[in-house]
């Protein structure tokens, strides 16, 4: 949703308009003599991508496929 406001009105209500943009997720087009000069829009935070977040944090110290020389019994 985009709304237009004159620069003089924006100056008088700046703090309230910034709160409205954040809370209502609207975009304000600020005009000077009817000509658009600036846009005030809410910041869209990007979600954190967890895919690959732990890349490079683990190391392989030995062969993880080869059998070990320790005898063990599985409980059944």
Protein backbone atom coordinates (compact mmCIF):
# COMPACT_ATOMS: atom_id res chain seq x y z
CA UNK A 1 0.00 0.00 0.00
CA UNK A 2 1.47 3.36 -1.05
CA UNK A 3 0.41 6.72 0.29
CA UNK A 4 1.50 10.19 -0.77
CA UNK A 5 2.25 13.06 1.60
CA UNK A 6 3.57 16.59 1.08
CA UNK A 7 7.02 17.37 2.48
CA UNK A 8 5.62 20.00 4.86
CA UNK A 9 3.12 17.57 6.35
CA UNK A 10 5.81 14.91 6.58
CA UNK A 11 8.08 17.30 8.47
CA UNK A 12 5.33 18.10 10.98
CA UNK A 13 4.37 14.43 11.58
CA UNK A 14 7.67 12.66 10.88
CA UNK A 15 7.92 10.47 14.01
CA UNK A 16 4.30 9.34 13.88
CA UNK A 17 4.58 8.59 10.16
CA UNK A 18 7.71 6.48 10.74
CA UNK A 19 5.81 4.46 13.36
CA UNK A 20 2.90 4.00 10.93
CA UNK A 21 5.24 2.78 8.19
CA UNK A 22 6.79 0.23 10.55
CA UNK A 23 3.59 -0.99 12.21
CA UNK A 24 1.22 -0.95 9.21
CA UNK A 25 3.84 -1.94 6.58
CA UNK A 26 2.93 0.93 4.28
CA UNK A 27 5.13 2.93 1.93
CA UNK A 28 5.05 6.73 1.94
CA UNK A 29 5.91 8.78 -1.12
CA UNK A 30 7.04 12.25 -0.04
CA UNK A 31 6.34 15.02 -2.54
CA UNK A 32 7.55 18.58 -2.96
CA UNK A 33 5.19 20.75 -5.00
CA UNK A 34 3.47 17.57 -6.20
CA UNK A 35 6.68 15.96 -7.48
CA UNK A 36 7.79 12.74 -5.75
CA UNK A 37 11.22 13.23 -4.15
CA UNK A 38 11.59 10.46 -1.56
CA UNK A 39 10.13 7.17 -0.43
CA UNK A 40 9.83 5.91 3.15
CA UNK A 41 9.39 2.14 3.30
CA UNK A 42 9.57 -0.46 6.08
CA UNK A 43 12.67 -2.60 6.32
CA UNK A 44 11.97 -6.16 5.26
CA UNK A 45 14.26 -8.41 7.28
CA UNK A 46 15.39 -11.51 5.44
CA UNK A 47 14.92 -14.82 7.23
CA UNK A 48 18.09 -16.61 8.30
CA UNK A 49 18.98 -19.47 5.98
CA UNK A 50 20.17 -22.41 8.10
CA UNK A 51 21.18 -24.55 5.11
CA UNK A 52 24.96 -24.83 5.26
CA UNK A 53 25.23 -22.80 8.47
CA UNK A 54 27.62 -25.32 10.06
CA UNK A 55 29.79 -25.76 6.98
CA UNK A 56 33.45 -25.97 7.93
CA UNK A 57 32.85 -26.47 11.65
CA UNK A 58 33.48 -30.24 11.79
CA UNK A 59 36.63 -32.13 10.87
CA UNK A 60 37.24 -35.80 10.10
CA UNK A 61 40.23 -37.07 12.08
CA UNK A 62 40.38 -40.63 10.68
CA UNK A 63 38.67 -43.09 8.37
CA UNK A 64 35.03 -43.11 9.49
CA UNK A 65 34.09 -46.14 7.36
CA UNK A 66 36.78 -48.65 8.36
CA UNK A 67 35.89 -51.13 11.13
CA UNK A 68 37.26 -50.53 14.60
CA UNK A 69 39.32 -53.07 16.54
CA UNK A 70 37.12 -52.92 19.63
CA UNK A 71 34.86 -55.91 20.39
CA UNK A 72 31.28 -55.06 21.28
CA UNK A 73 27.99 -56.76 21.74
CA UNK A 74 24.62 -55.47 20.76
CA UNK A 75 21.81 -55.94 23.23
CA UNK A 76 18.83 -57.69 21.75
